[in-house]
Amino acid sequence: VTSGVTDIYFEYGLTDQLGISTNTVKKSMVDTFIKNISGLNPKTSYFFKACAKINKISSCGEIVSFSTN
């Protein structure tokens, strides 16, 4: 079942191996998920992916990157 409420989180890191996870939040699968992350280094590239845990099984999107100012 992919409807209803599930645990949603981001995984991120300095390489595409990621390594850091945000806390999970219970959200609707049809809602927008935004998570503020503090303590990132300036002028640094990070990689991340969004994940959802449904029935104790994690499913994640593609790894993408962004750079801080």
C-alpha atoms as a PDB file:
ATOM      1  CA  VAL A   1       0.000   0.000   0.000  1.00  0.00           C
ATOM      2  CA  THR A   2       1.462   3.370  -0.986  1.00  0.00           C
ATOM      3  CA  SER A   3      -1.308   5.574   0.371  1.00  0.00           C
ATOM      4  CA  GLY A   4      -1.830   6.874   3.871  1.00  0.00           C
ATOM      5  CA  VAL A   5       0.869   7.941   6.318  1.00  0.00           C
ATOM      6  CA  THR A   6       4.419   6.651   6.177  1.00  0.00           C
ATOM      7  CA  ASP A   7       7.895   7.489   7.550  1.00  0.00           C
ATOM      8  CA  ILE A   8       9.764   9.884   5.253  1.00  0.00           C
ATOM      9  CA  TYR A   9      13.394  11.024   5.528  1.00  0.00           C
ATOM     10  CA  PHE A  10      16.439  12.179   3.558  1.00  0.00           C
ATOM     11  CA  GLU A  11      19.852  10.544   3.326  1.00  0.00           C
ATOM     12  CA  TYR A  12      22.746  12.869   2.475  1.00  0.00           C
ATOM     13  CA  GLY A  13      26.526  13.216   2.539  1.00  0.00           C
ATOM     14  CA  LEU A  14      29.649  14.617   0.903  1.00  0.00           C
ATOM     15  CA  THR A  15      29.872  11.699  -1.566  1.00  0.00           C
ATOM     16  CA  ASP A  16      27.309   9.602  -3.377  1.00  0.00           C
ATOM     17  CA  GLN A  17      27.821   7.010  -0.621  1.00  0.00           C
ATOM     18  CA  LEU A  18      25.750   9.420   1.569  1.00  0.00           C
ATOM     19  CA  GLY A  19      26.039   8.217   5.188  1.00  0.00           C
ATOM     20  CA  ILE A  20      23.795  10.650   7.125  1.00  0.00           C
ATOM     21  CA  SER A  21      20.041  10.292   7.634  1.00  0.00           C
ATOM     22  CA  THR A  22      17.600  12.905   8.871  1.00  0.00           C
ATOM     23  CA  ASN A  23      15.037  11.999  11.490  1.00  0.00           C
ATOM     24  CA  THR A  24      11.938  10.364  10.059  1.00  0.00           C
ATOM     25  CA  VAL A  25       8.639  12.182  10.032  1.00  0.00           C
ATOM     26  CA  LYS A  26       5.208  10.710   9.529  1.00  0.00           C
ATOM     27  CA  LYS A  27       3.715  12.250   6.401  1.00  0.00           C
ATOM     28  CA  SER A  28       1.134  11.515   3.781  1.00  0.00           C
ATOM     29  CA  MET A  29       2.574  10.016   0.602  1.00  0.00           C
ATOM     30  CA  VAL A  30       0.782  12.711  -1.418  1.00  0.00           C
ATOM     31  CA  ASP A  31       2.196  15.655   0.551  1.00  0.00           C
ATOM     32  CA  THR A  32       5.317  17.797   0.076  1.00  0.00           C
ATOM     33  CA  PHE A  33       8.264  16.923   2.305  1.00  0.00           C
ATOM     34  CA  ILE A  34      10.774  19.623   3.263  1.00  0.00           C
ATOM     35  CA  LYS A  35      13.515  19.175   5.860  1.00  0.00           C
ATOM     36  CA  ASN A  36      15.822  21.988   7.011  1.00  0.00           C
ATOM     37  CA  ILE A  37      19.368  20.816   7.723  1.00  0.00           C
ATOM     38  CA  SER A  38      21.792  23.010   9.657  1.00  0.00           C
ATOM     39  CA  GLY A  39      25.550  22.758   9.994  1.00  0.00           C
ATOM     40  CA  LEU A  40      26.369  22.282   6.304  1.00  0.00           C
ATOM     41  CA  ASN A  41      29.749  23.543   5.128  1.00  0.00           C
ATOM     42  CA  PRO A  42      29.847  26.647   2.878  1.00  0.00           C
ATOM     43  CA  LYS A  43      30.842  26.275  -0.787  1.00  0.00           C
ATOM     44  CA  THR A  44      30.487  22.500  -0.585  1.00  0.00           C
ATOM     45  CA  SER A  45      28.761  19.944  -2.821  1.00  0.00           C
ATOM     46  CA  TYR A  46      26.392  17.497  -1.128  1.00  0.00           C
ATOM     47  CA  PHE A  47      24.530  14.469  -2.422  1.00  0.00           C
ATOM     48  CA  PHE A  48      21.091  13.385  -1.195  1.00  0.00           C
ATOM     49  CA  LYS A  49      18.068  11.213  -1.855  1.00  0.00           C
ATOM     50  CA  ALA A  50      14.536  11.185  -0.469  1.00  0.00           C
ATOM     51  CA  CYS A  51      13.310   7.978   1.121  1.00  0.00           C
ATOM     52  CA  ALA A  52      10.035   6.550   2.417  1.00  0.00           C
ATOM     53  CA  LYS A  53       9.641   3.586   4.727  1.00  0.00           C
ATOM     54  CA  ILE A  54       6.454   1.698   3.966  1.00  0.00           C
ATOM     55  CA  ASN A  55       5.619  -1.416   6.001  1.00  0.00           C
ATOM     56  CA  LYS A  56       9.204  -1.358   7.385  1.00  0.00           C
ATOM     57  CA  ILE A  57      10.714  -1.446   3.851  1.00  0.00           C
ATOM     58  CA  SER A  58      12.670   1.610   2.654  1.00  0.00           C
ATOM     59  CA  SER A  59      12.318   2.865  -0.889  1.00  0.00           C
ATOM     60  CA  CYS A  60      14.452   5.782  -2.095  1.00  0.00           C
ATOM     61  CA  GLY A  61      14.622   8.092  -5.081  1.00  0.00           C
ATOM     62  CA  GLU A  62      17.645   8.841  -7.203  1.00  0.00           C
ATOM     63  CA  ILE A  63      20.744  10.467  -5.710  1.00  0.00           C
ATOM     64  CA  VAL A  64      21.034  14.119  -6.720  1.00  0.00           C
ATOM     65  CA  SER A  65      23.410  16.887  -5.678  1.00  0.00           C
ATOM     66  CA  PHE A  66      23.393  20.521  -4.605  1.00  0.00           C
ATOM     67  CA  SER A  67      26.023  23.079  -3.567  1.00  0.00           C
ATOM     68  CA  THR A  68      25.898  25.461  -0.627  1.00  0.00           C
ATOM     69  CA  ASN A  69      26.754  29.168  -0.985  1.00  0.00           C
END
